[in-house]
């Protein structure tokens, strides 16, 4: 990867969450979250190790993912991390997130 490509990737990262998909016109998939009871709304959502926002906000608004494989992680202090590998292939994705509290 050239320095120019790396710069474009960094510049596009925030837009990726809005459907930029690392380039205008590239197909993107709708990713939605459904949270189970007891899962904190203020847990942090990461896609491919990039912070997206709090789970409650992301669940309410959804995210656009470019076609391909992505790692989705939800973390919150006091809970075991929730982690999934998803393959986006033009079909909407619905993830059910149930976080488990770490025992004291």
PDB file of N, CA and C in Angstrom:
ATOM      1  N   UNK A   1       0.856  -1.175   0.000  1.00  0.00           N
ATOM      2  CA  UNK A   1       0.000   0.000   0.000  1.00  0.00           C
ATOM      3  C   UNK A   1       0.898   1.233   0.000  1.00  0.00           C
ATOM      4  N   UNK A   2       0.609   2.149  -0.896  1.00  0.00           N
ATOM      5  CA  UNK A   2       1.410   3.365  -0.989  1.00  0.00           C
ATOM      6  C   UNK A   2       0.951   4.369   0.054  1.00  0.00           C
ATOM      7  N   UNK A   3       1.782   5.366   0.278  1.00  0.00           N
ATOM      8  CA  UNK A   3       1.448   6.418   1.240  1.00  0.00           C
ATOM      9  C   UNK A   3       0.169   7.139   0.813  1.00  0.00           C
ATOM     10  N   UNK A   4      -0.010   7.309  -0.500  1.00  0.00           N
ATOM     11  CA  UNK A   4      -1.222   7.973  -1.020  1.00  0.00           C
ATOM     12  C   UNK A   4      -2.463   7.151  -0.692  1.00  0.00           C
ATOM     13  N   UNK A   5      -2.384   5.809  -0.911  1.00  0.00           N
ATOM     14  CA  UNK A   5      -3.525   4.951  -0.596  1.00  0.00           C
ATOM     15  C   UNK A   5      -3.838   4.968   0.894  1.00  0.00           C
ATOM     16  N   UNK A   6      -2.797   4.957   1.722  1.00  0.00           N
ATOM     17  CA  UNK A   6      -2.999   4.993   3.163  1.00  0.00           C
ATOM     18  C   UNK A   6      -3.685   6.294   3.564  1.00  0.00           C
ATOM     19  N   UNK A   7      -3.267   7.399   2.974  1.00  0.00           N
ATOM     20  CA  UNK A   7      -3.896   8.694   3.267  1.00  0.00           C
ATOM     21  C   UNK A   7      -5.359   8.718   2.877  1.00  0.00           C
ATOM     22  N   UNK A   8      -5.682   8.124   1.727  1.00  0.00           N
ATOM     23  CA  UNK A   8      -7.086   8.063   1.287  1.00  0.00           C
ATOM     24  C   UNK A   8      -7.902   7.197   2.232  1.00  0.00           C
ATOM     25  N   UNK A   9      -7.324   6.091   2.696  1.00  0.00           N
ATOM     26  CA  UNK A   9      -8.025   5.202   3.618  1.00  0.00           C
ATOM     27  C   UNK A   9      -8.320   5.914   4.925  1.00  0.00           C
ATOM     28  N   UNK A  10      -7.337   6.625   5.462  1.00  0.00           N
ATOM     29  CA  UNK A  10      -7.528   7.359   6.710  1.00  0.00           C
ATOM     30  C   UNK A  10      -8.571   8.454   6.528  1.00  0.00           C
ATOM     31  N   UNK A  11      -8.529   9.157   5.413  1.00  0.00           N
ATOM     32  CA  UNK A  11      -9.487  10.236   5.161  1.00  0.00           C
ATOM     33  C   UNK A  11     -10.904   9.703   5.003  1.00  0.00           C
ATOM     34  N   UNK A  12     -11.041   8.509   4.468  1.00  0.00           N
ATOM     35  CA  UNK A  12     -12.361   7.950   4.196  1.00  0.00           C
ATOM     36  C   UNK A  12     -12.950   7.199   5.386  1.00  0.00           C
ATOM     37  N   UNK A  13     -12.135   6.871   6.391  1.00  0.00           N
ATOM     38  CA  UNK A  13     -12.600   6.049   7.513  1.00  0.00           C
ATOM     39  C   UNK A  13     -13.899   6.551   8.137  1.00  0.00           C
ATOM     40  N   UNK A  14     -14.043   7.847   8.463  1.00  0.00           N
ATOM     41  CA  UNK A  14     -15.309   8.288   9.044  1.00  0.00           C
ATOM     42  C   UNK A  14     -16.496   8.125   8.082  1.00  0.00           C
ATOM     43  N   UNK A  15     -16.254   8.279   6.802  1.00  0.00           N
ATOM     44  CA  UNK A  15     -17.324   8.145   5.819  1.00  0.00           C
ATOM     45  C   UNK A  15     -17.725   6.693   5.617  1.00  0.00           C
ATOM     46  N   UNK A  16     -16.820   5.778   5.924  1.00  0.00           N
ATOM     47  CA  UNK A  16     -17.105   4.352   5.797  1.00  0.00           C
ATOM     48  C   UNK A  16     -18.379   4.004   6.557  1.00  0.00           C
ATOM     49  N   UNK A  17     -18.541   4.622   7.710  1.00  0.00           N
ATOM     50  CA  UNK A  17     -19.701   4.338   8.540  1.00  0.00           C
ATOM     51  C   UNK A  17     -20.979   4.910   7.953  1.00  0.00           C
ATOM     52  N   UNK A  18     -20.834   5.826   7.012  1.00  0.00           N
ATOM     53  CA  UNK A  18     -21.998   6.421   6.374  1.00  0.00           C
ATOM     54  C   UNK A  18     -22.242   5.823   4.996  1.00  0.00           C
ATOM     55  N   UNK A  19     -21.480   4.784   4.649  1.00  0.00           N
ATOM     56  CA  UNK A  19     -21.699   4.120   3.375  1.00  0.00           C
ATOM     57  C   UNK A  19     -20.681   4.446   2.308  1.00  0.00           C
ATOM     58  N   UNK A  20     -19.614   5.143   2.658  1.00  0.00           N
ATOM     59  CA  UNK A  20     -18.588   5.460   1.669  1.00  0.00           C
ATOM     60  C   UNK A  20     -17.990   4.187   1.104  1.00  0.00           C
ATOM     61  N   UNK A  21     -17.744   3.204   1.947  1.00  0.00           N
ATOM     62  CA  UNK A  21     -17.233   1.928   1.492  1.00  0.00           C
ATOM     63  C   UNK A  21     -15.875   2.019   0.821  1.00  0.00           C
ATOM     64  N   UNK A  22     -15.021   2.934   1.253  1.00  0.00           N
ATOM     65  CA  UNK A  22     -13.680   3.113   0.734  1.00  0.00           C
ATOM     66  C   UNK A  22     -13.699   3.506  -0.727  1.00  0.00           C
ATOM     67  N   UNK A  23     -14.742   4.171  -1.127  1.00  0.00           N
ATOM     68  CA  UNK A  23     -14.795   4.690  -2.488  1.00  0.00           C
ATOM     69  C   UNK A  23     -16.239   4.872  -2.899  1.00  0.00           C
ATOM     70  N   UNK A  24     -16.538   6.006  -3.437  1.00  0.00           N
ATOM     71  CA  UNK A  24     -17.913   6.281  -3.845  1.00  0.00           C
ATOM     72  C   UNK A  24     -18.367   5.247  -4.861  1.00  0.00           C
ATOM     73  N   UNK A  25     -19.598   4.813  -4.748  1.00  0.00           N
ATOM     74  CA  UNK A  25     -20.164   3.883  -5.708  1.00  0.00           C
ATOM     75  C   UNK A  25     -19.956   2.425  -5.373  1.00  0.00           C
ATOM     76  N   UNK A  26     -19.134   2.110  -4.378  1.00  0.00           N
ATOM     77  CA  UNK A  26     -18.909   0.715  -4.016  1.00  0.00           C
ATOM     78  C   UNK A  26     -20.121   0.205  -3.246  1.00  0.00           C
ATOM     79  N   UNK A  27     -20.595  -1.011  -3.569  1.00  0.00           N
ATOM     80  CA  UNK A  27     -21.772  -1.545  -2.886  1.00  0.00           C
ATOM     81  C   UNK A  27     -21.567  -1.619  -1.377  1.00  0.00           C
ATOM     82  N   UNK A  28     -22.624  -1.329  -0.644  1.00  0.00           N
ATOM     83  CA  UNK A  28     -22.584  -1.389   0.814  1.00  0.00           C
ATOM     84  C   UNK A  28     -23.816  -2.120   1.315  1.00  0.00           C
ATOM     85  N   UNK A  29     -23.695  -2.667   2.518  1.00  0.00           N
ATOM     86  CA  UNK A  29     -24.743  -3.468   3.125  1.00  0.00           C
ATOM     87  C   UNK A  29     -25.203  -2.815   4.414  1.00  0.00           C
ATOM     88  N   UNK A  30     -26.481  -2.912   4.702  1.00  0.00           N
ATOM     89  CA  UNK A  30     -27.042  -2.390   5.933  1.00  0.00           C
ATOM     90  C   UNK A  30     -26.751  -3.351   7.084  1.00  0.00           C
ATOM     91  N   UNK A  31     -26.170  -2.823   8.162  1.00  0.00           N
ATOM     92  CA  UNK A  31     -25.898  -3.596   9.372  1.00  0.00           C
ATOM     93  C   UNK A  31     -26.715  -3.005  10.500  1.00  0.00           C
ATOM     94  N   UNK A  32     -27.546  -3.829  11.127  1.00  0.00           N
ATOM     95  CA  UNK A  32     -28.367  -3.368  12.247  1.00  0.00           C
ATOM     96  C   UNK A  32     -28.091  -4.237  13.460  1.00  0.00           C
ATOM     97  N   UNK A  33     -28.274  -3.649  14.629  1.00  0.00           N
ATOM     98  CA  UNK A  33     -28.071  -4.342  15.887  1.00  0.00           C
ATOM     99  C   UNK A  33     -29.383  -4.427  16.646  1.00  0.00           C
ATOM    100  N   UNK A  34     -29.601  -5.565  17.284  1.00  0.00           N
ATOM    101  CA  UNK A  34     -30.716  -5.732  18.207  1.00  0.00           C
ATOM    102  C   UNK A  34     -30.076  -6.141  19.526  1.00  0.00           C
ATOM    103  N   UNK A  35     -30.388  -5.429  20.601  1.00  0.00           N
ATOM    104  CA  UNK A  35     -29.759  -5.730  21.882  1.00  0.00           C
ATOM    105  C   UNK A  35     -30.688  -6.548  22.762  1.00  0.00           C
ATOM    106  N   UNK A  36     -30.101  -7.500  23.457  1.00  0.00           N
ATOM    107  CA  UNK A  36     -30.835  -8.342  24.404  1.00  0.00           C
ATOM    108  C   UNK A  36     -30.884  -7.633  25.753  1.00  0.00           C
ATOM    109  N   UNK A  37     -31.841  -8.012  26.581  1.00  0.00           N
ATOM    110  CA  UNK A  37     -31.988  -7.439  27.917  1.00  0.00           C
ATOM    111  C   UNK A  37     -30.685  -7.570  28.697  1.00  0.00           C
ATOM    112  N   UNK A  38     -30.329  -6.531  29.416  1.00  0.00           N
ATOM    113  CA  UNK A  38     -29.119  -6.543  30.229  1.00  0.00           C
ATOM    114  C   UNK A  38     -27.872  -6.074  29.497  1.00  0.00           C
ATOM    115  N   UNK A  39     -27.967  -5.865  28.199  1.00  0.00           N
ATOM    116  CA  UNK A  39     -26.823  -5.381  27.425  1.00  0.00           C
ATOM    117  C   UNK A  39     -26.783  -3.855  27.524  1.00  0.00           C
ATOM    118  N   UNK A  40     -25.662  -3.293  27.993  1.00  0.00           N
ATOM    119  CA  UNK A  40     -25.601  -1.842  28.195  1.00  0.00           C
ATOM    120  C   UNK A  40     -25.619  -1.048  26.883  1.00  0.00           C
ATOM    121  N   UNK A  41     -26.481  -0.060  26.816  1.00  0.00           N
ATOM    122  CA  UNK A  41     -26.594   0.786  25.624  1.00  0.00           C
ATOM    123  C   UNK A  41     -25.346   1.631  25.418  1.00  0.00           C
ATOM    124  N   UNK A  42     -24.562   1.845  26.490  1.00  0.00           N
ATOM    125  CA  UNK A  42     -23.362   2.676  26.353  1.00  0.00           C
ATOM    126  C   UNK A  42     -22.109   1.838  26.076  1.00  0.00           C
ATOM    127  N   UNK A  43     -22.282   0.575  25.696  1.00  0.00           N
ATOM    128  CA  UNK A  43     -21.140  -0.246  25.273  1.00  0.00           C
ATOM    129  C   UNK A  43     -20.586   0.335  23.974  1.00  0.00           C
ATOM    130  N   UNK A  44     -19.306   0.161  23.752  1.00  0.00           N
ATOM    131  CA  UNK A  44     -18.638   0.713  22.567  1.00  0.00           C
ATOM    132  C   UNK A  44     -18.645  -0.285  21.417  1.00  0.00           C
ATOM    133  N   UNK A  45     -19.031   0.191  20.218  1.00  0.00           N
ATOM    134  CA  UNK A  45     -19.050  -0.647  19.023  1.00  0.00           C
ATOM    135  C   UNK A  45     -17.815  -0.324  18.178  1.00  0.00           C
ATOM    136  N   UNK A  46     -17.116  -1.390  17.752  1.00  0.00           N
ATOM    137  CA  UNK A  46     -15.954  -1.267  16.873  1.00  0.00           C
ATOM    138  C   UNK A  46     -16.195  -2.118  15.636  1.00  0.00           C
ATOM    139  N   UNK A  47     -15.860  -1.586  14.482  1.00  0.00           N
ATOM    140  CA  UNK A  47     -15.906  -2.350  13.242  1.00  0.00           C
ATOM    141  C   UNK A  47     -14.503  -2.321  12.657  1.00  0.00           C
ATOM    142  N   UNK A  48     -13.946  -3.509  12.476  1.00  0.00           N
ATOM    143  CA  UNK A  48     -12.573  -3.638  11.988  1.00  0.00           C
ATOM    144  C   UNK A  48     -11.615  -2.794  12.819  1.00  0.00           C
ATOM    145  N   UNK A  49     -11.792  -2.844  14.139  1.00  0.00           N
ATOM    146  CA  UNK A  49     -10.957  -2.168  15.135  1.00  0.00           C
ATOM    147  C   UNK A  49     -11.070  -0.646  15.108  1.00  0.00           C
ATOM    148  N   UNK A  50     -12.074  -0.111  14.429  1.00  0.00           N
ATOM    149  CA  UNK A  50     -12.326   1.337  14.405  1.00  0.00           C
ATOM    150  C   UNK A  50     -13.581   1.627  15.227  1.00  0.00           C
ATOM    151  N   UNK A  51     -13.471   2.596  16.154  1.00  0.00           N
ATOM    152  CA  UNK A  51     -14.609   2.958  16.991  1.00  0.00           C
ATOM    153  C   UNK A  51     -15.722   3.555  16.142  1.00  0.00           C
ATOM    154  N   UNK A  52     -16.956   3.047  16.357  1.00  0.00           N
ATOM    155  CA  UNK A  52     -18.113   3.533  15.609  1.00  0.00           C
ATOM    156  C   UNK A  52     -18.974   4.441  16.485  1.00  0.00           C
ATOM    157  N   UNK A  53     -19.223   4.034  17.738  1.00  0.00           N
ATOM    158  CA  UNK A  53     -20.044   4.814  18.641  1.00  0.00           C
ATOM    159  C   UNK A  53     -20.655   3.919  19.697  1.00  0.00           C
ATOM    160  N   UNK A  54     -21.499   4.504  20.567  1.00  0.00           N
ATOM    161  CA  UNK A  54     -22.158   3.704  21.593  1.00  0.00           C
ATOM    162  C   UNK A  54     -23.217   2.782  20.972  1.00  0.00           C
ATOM    163  N   UNK A  55     -23.382   1.606  21.546  1.00  0.00           N
ATOM    164  CA  UNK A  55     -24.282   0.597  21.014  1.00  0.00           C
ATOM    165  C   UNK A  55     -25.709   1.121  20.853  1.00  0.00           C
ATOM    166  N   UNK A  56     -26.209   1.861  21.824  1.00  0.00           N
ATOM    167  CA  UNK A  56     -27.577   2.381  21.725  1.00  0.00           C
ATOM    168  C   UNK A  56     -27.779   3.246  20.493  1.00  0.00           C
ATOM    169  N   UNK A  57     -26.818   4.117  20.210  1.00  0.00           N
ATOM    170  CA  UNK A  57     -26.905   4.990  19.038  1.00  0.00           C
ATOM    171  C   UNK A  57     -26.793   4.189  17.752  1.00  0.00           C
ATOM    172  N   UNK A  58     -25.804   3.290  17.707  1.00  0.00           N
ATOM    173  CA  UNK A  58     -25.581   2.483  16.512  1.00  0.00           C
ATOM    174  C   UNK A  58     -26.789   1.578  16.246  1.00  0.00           C
ATOM    175  N   UNK A  59     -27.369   1.008  17.315  1.00  0.00           N
ATOM    176  CA  UNK A  59     -28.551   0.151  17.150  1.00  0.00           C
ATOM    177  C   UNK A  59     -29.726   0.947  16.603  1.00  0.00           C
ATOM    178  N   UNK A  60     -29.865   2.197  17.025  1.00  0.00           N
ATOM    179  CA  UNK A  60     -30.985   3.031  16.576  1.00  0.00           C
ATOM    180  C   UNK A  60     -30.826   3.501  15.132  1.00  0.00           C
ATOM    181  N   UNK A  61     -29.590   3.701  14.686  1.00  0.00           N
ATOM    182  CA  UNK A  61     -29.356   4.279  13.362  1.00  0.00           C
ATOM    183  C   UNK A  61     -28.816   3.305  12.315  1.00  0.00           C
ATOM    184  N   UNK A  62     -28.203   2.207  12.751  1.00  0.00           N
ATOM    185  CA  UNK A  62     -27.609   1.262  11.811  1.00  0.00           C
ATOM    186  C   UNK A  62     -26.306   1.792  11.239  1.00  0.00           C
ATOM    187  N   UNK A  63     -25.671   0.957  10.424  1.00  0.00           N
ATOM    188  CA  UNK A  63     -24.376   1.270   9.821  1.00  0.00           C
ATOM    189  C   UNK A  63     -24.364   0.685   8.418  1.00  0.00           C
ATOM    190  N   UNK A  64     -23.606   1.295   7.523  1.00  0.00           N
ATOM    191  CA  UNK A  64     -23.405   0.737   6.175  1.00  0.00           C
ATOM    192  C   UNK A  64     -22.019   0.103   6.132  1.00  0.00           C
ATOM    193  N   UNK A  65     -21.960  -1.140   5.683  1.00  0.00           N
ATOM    194  CA  UNK A  65     -20.694  -1.869   5.571  1.00  0.00           C
ATOM    195  C   UNK A  65     -20.375  -2.119   4.105  1.00  0.00           C
ATOM    196  N   UNK A  66     -19.121  -1.932   3.707  1.00  0.00           N
ATOM    197  CA  UNK A  66     -18.766  -2.327   2.348  1.00  0.00           C
ATOM    198  C   UNK A  66     -18.802  -3.853   2.230  1.00  0.00           C
ATOM    199  N   UNK A  67     -18.989  -4.336   1.028  1.00  0.00           N
ATOM    200  CA  UNK A  67     -19.005  -5.771   0.767  1.00  0.00           C
ATOM    201  C   UNK A  67     -17.671  -6.368   1.229  1.00  0.00           C
ATOM    202  N   UNK A  68     -17.742  -7.513   1.915  1.00  0.00           N
ATOM    203  CA  UNK A  68     -16.527  -8.191   2.357  1.00  0.00           C
ATOM    204  C   UNK A  68     -16.639  -8.670   3.793  1.00  0.00           C
ATOM    205  N   UNK A  69     -15.522  -9.106   4.344  1.00  0.00           N
ATOM    206  CA  UNK A  69     -15.481  -9.640   5.706  1.00  0.00           C
ATOM    207  C   UNK A  69     -15.133  -8.535   6.694  1.00  0.00           C
ATOM    208  N   UNK A  70     -15.826  -8.530   7.834  1.00  0.00           N
ATOM    209  CA  UNK A  70     -15.618  -7.495   8.848  1.00  0.00           C
ATOM    210  C   UNK A  70     -15.715  -8.096  10.242  1.00  0.00           C
ATOM    211  N   UNK A  71     -14.904  -7.587  11.166  1.00  0.00           N
ATOM    212  CA  UNK A  71     -14.975  -7.991  12.563  1.00  0.00           C
ATOM    213  C   UNK A  71     -15.754  -6.924  13.330  1.00  0.00           C
ATOM    214  N   UNK A  72     -16.813  -7.372  14.004  1.00  0.00           N
ATOM    215  CA  UNK A  72     -17.660  -6.487  14.803  1.00  0.00           C
ATOM    216  C   UNK A  72     -17.407  -6.820  16.274  1.00  0.00           C
ATOM    217  N   UNK A  73     -17.042  -5.808  17.061  1.00  0.00           N
ATOM    218  CA  UNK A  73     -16.760  -6.008  18.478  1.00  0.00           C
ATOM    219  C   UNK A  73     -17.555  -4.991  19.289  1.00  0.00           C
ATOM    220  N   UNK A  74     -18.142  -5.468  20.393  1.00  0.00           N
ATOM    221  CA  UNK A  74     -18.850  -4.590  21.328  1.00  0.00           C
ATOM    222  C   UNK A  74     -18.194  -4.794  22.688  1.00  0.00           C
ATOM    223  N   UNK A  75     -17.762  -3.692  23.322  1.00  0.00           N
ATOM    224  CA  UNK A  75     -17.038  -3.776  24.591  1.00  0.00           C
ATOM    225  C   UNK A  75     -17.616  -2.821  25.618  1.00  0.00           C
ATOM    226  N   UNK A  76     -17.547  -3.247  26.869  1.00  0.00           N
ATOM    227  CA  UNK A  76     -17.940  -2.382  27.990  1.00  0.00           C
ATOM    228  C   UNK A  76     -17.231  -2.911  29.224  1.00  0.00           C
ATOM    229  N   UNK A  77     -16.687  -2.032  30.004  1.00  0.00           N
ATOM    230  CA  UNK A  77     -16.027  -2.426  31.247  1.00  0.00           C
ATOM    231  C   UNK A  77     -17.021  -3.198  32.114  1.00  0.00           C
ATOM    232  N   UNK A  78     -16.573  -4.320  32.681  1.00  0.00           N
ATOM    233  CA  UNK A  78     -17.424  -5.135  33.534  1.00  0.00           C
ATOM    234  C   UNK A  78     -18.182  -6.229  32.791  1.00  0.00           C
ATOM    235  N   UNK A  79     -18.011  -6.287  31.459  1.00  0.00           N
ATOM    236  CA  UNK A  79     -18.687  -7.287  30.624  1.00  0.00           C
ATOM    237  C   UNK A  79     -17.659  -8.009  29.759  1.00  0.00           C
ATOM    238  N   UNK A  80     -17.946  -9.275  29.435  1.00  0.00           N
ATOM    239  CA  UNK A  80     -17.127  -9.975  28.459  1.00  0.00           C
ATOM    240  C   UNK A  80     -17.338  -9.316  27.102  1.00  0.00           C
ATOM    241  N   UNK A  81     -16.292  -9.165  26.299  1.00  0.00           N
ATOM    242  CA  UNK A  81     -16.470  -8.578  24.962  1.00  0.00           C
ATOM    243  C   UNK A  81     -17.356  -9.479  24.097  1.00  0.00           C
ATOM    244  N   UNK A  82     -18.136  -8.844  23.231  1.00  0.00           N
ATOM    245  CA  UNK A  82     -18.966  -9.560  22.252  1.00  0.00           C
ATOM    246  C   UNK A  82     -18.276  -9.342  20.913  1.00  0.00           C
ATOM    247  N   UNK A  83     -17.985 -10.434  20.201  1.00  0.00           N
ATOM    248  CA  UNK A  83     -17.179 -10.331  18.988  1.00  0.00           C
ATOM    249  C   UNK A  83     -17.714 -11.286  17.925  1.00  0.00           C
ATOM    250  N   UNK A  84     -17.879 -10.782  16.697  1.00  0.00           N
ATOM    251  CA  UNK A  84     -18.348 -11.611  15.581  1.00  0.00           C
ATOM    252  C   UNK A  84     -17.604 -11.236  14.315  1.00  0.00           C
ATOM    253  N   UNK A  85     -17.415 -12.237  13.474  1.00  0.00           N
ATOM    254  CA  UNK A  85     -16.872 -12.032  12.143  1.00  0.00           C
ATOM    255  C   UNK A  85     -18.041 -12.183  11.181  1.00  0.00           C
ATOM    256  N   UNK A  86     -18.306 -11.156  10.366  1.00  0.00           N
ATOM    257  CA  UNK A  86     -19.435 -11.209   9.435  1.00  0.00           C
ATOM    258  C   UNK A  86     -18.943 -11.048   8.007  1.00  0.00           C
ATOM    259  N   UNK A  87     -19.681 -11.639   7.103  1.00  0.00           N
ATOM    260  CA  UNK A  87     -19.414 -11.506   5.671  1.00  0.00           C
ATOM    261  C   UNK A  87     -20.588 -10.754   5.068  1.00  0.00           C
ATOM    262  N   UNK A  88     -20.344  -9.547   4.596  1.00  0.00           N
ATOM    263  CA  UNK A  88     -21.416  -8.778   3.967  1.00  0.00           C
ATOM    264  C   UNK A  88     -21.409  -9.078   2.474  1.00  0.00           C
ATOM    265  N   UNK A  89     -22.585  -9.442   1.959  1.00  0.00           N
ATOM    266  CA  UNK A  89     -22.679  -9.862   0.554  1.00  0.00           C
ATOM    267  C   UNK A  89     -23.942  -9.343  -0.110  1.00  0.00           C
ATOM    268  N   UNK A  90     -24.290  -8.116   0.167  1.00  0.00           N
ATOM    269  CA  UNK A  90     -25.445  -7.423  -0.415  1.00  0.00           C
ATOM    270  C   UNK A  90     -26.750  -7.645   0.329  1.00  0.00           C
ATOM    271  N   UNK A  91     -26.811  -8.599   1.261  1.00  0.00           N
ATOM    272  CA  UNK A  91     -28.023  -8.818   2.051  1.00  0.00           C
ATOM    273  C   UNK A  91     -27.881  -8.081   3.375  1.00  0.00           C
ATOM    274  N   UNK A  92     -28.946  -7.432   3.860  1.00  0.00           N
ATOM    275  CA  UNK A  92     -28.874  -6.767   5.163  1.00  0.00           C
ATOM    276  C   UNK A  92     -28.474  -7.752   6.260  1.00  0.00           C
ATOM    277  N   UNK A  93     -27.754  -7.253   7.246  1.00  0.00           N
ATOM    278  CA  UNK A  93     -27.285  -8.073   8.358  1.00  0.00           C
ATOM    279  C   UNK A  93     -27.938  -7.579   9.646  1.00  0.00           C
ATOM    280  N   UNK A  94     -28.465  -8.493  10.445  1.00  0.00           N
ATOM    281  CA  UNK A  94     -29.007  -8.173  11.764  1.00  0.00           C
ATOM    282  C   UNK A  94     -28.224  -8.976  12.783  1.00  0.00           C
ATOM    283  N   UNK A  95     -27.579  -8.292  13.718  1.00  0.00           N
ATOM    284  CA  UNK A  95     -26.827  -8.952  14.776  1.00  0.00           C
ATOM    285  C   UNK A  95     -27.546  -8.769  16.099  1.00  0.00           C
ATOM    286  N   UNK A  96     -27.739  -9.853  16.811  1.00  0.00           N
ATOM    287  CA  UNK A  96     -28.331  -9.801  18.149  1.00  0.00           C
ATOM    288  C   UNK A  96     -27.195  -9.806  19.160  1.00  0.00           C
ATOM    289  N   UNK A  97     -27.098  -8.739  19.922  1.00  0.00           N
ATOM    290  CA  UNK A  97     -25.994  -8.574  20.862  1.00  0.00           C
ATOM    291  C   UNK A  97     -26.487  -8.834  22.281  1.00  0.00           C
ATOM    292  N   UNK A  98     -25.871  -9.821  22.917  1.00  0.00           N
ATOM    293  CA  UNK A  98     -26.171 -10.100  24.317  1.00  0.00           C
ATOM    294  C   UNK A  98     -24.839 -10.151  25.047  1.00  0.00           C
ATOM    295  N   UNK A  99     -24.595  -9.135  25.869  1.00  0.00           N
ATOM    296  CA  UNK A  99     -23.352  -9.080  26.625  1.00  0.00           C
ATOM    297  C   UNK A  99     -23.573  -9.734  27.985  1.00  0.00           C
ATOM    298  N   UNK A 100     -22.538 -10.419  28.452  1.00  0.00           N
ATOM    299  CA  UNK A 100     -22.586 -11.131  29.733  1.00  0.00           C
ATOM    300  C   UNK A 100     -21.669 -10.435  30.723  1.00  0.00           C
ATOM    301  N   UNK A 101     -22.221 -10.121  31.889  1.00  0.00           N
ATOM    302  CA  UNK A 101     -21.456  -9.448  32.928  1.00  0.00           C
ATOM    303  C   UNK A 101     -20.361 -10.373  33.457  1.00  0.00           C
ATOM    304  N   UNK A 102     -19.189  -9.814  33.720  1.00  0.00           N
ATOM    305  CA  UNK A 102     -18.089 -10.571  34.317  1.00  0.00           C
ATOM    306  C   UNK A 102     -18.406 -10.748  35.799  1.00  0.00           C
ATOM    307  N   UNK A 103     -18.368 -11.987  36.302  1.00  0.00           N
ATOM    308  CA  UNK A 103     -18.688 -12.202  37.723  1.00  0.00           C
ATOM    309  C   UNK A 103     -17.634 -11.528  38.630  1.00  0.00           C
ATOM    310  N   UNK A 104     -18.098 -11.075  39.780  1.00  0.00           N
ATOM    311  CA  UNK A 104     -17.183 -10.419  40.740  1.00  0.00           C
ATOM    312  C   UNK A 104     -16.315 -11.420  41.454  1.00  0.00           C
TER     313      UNK A 104
END
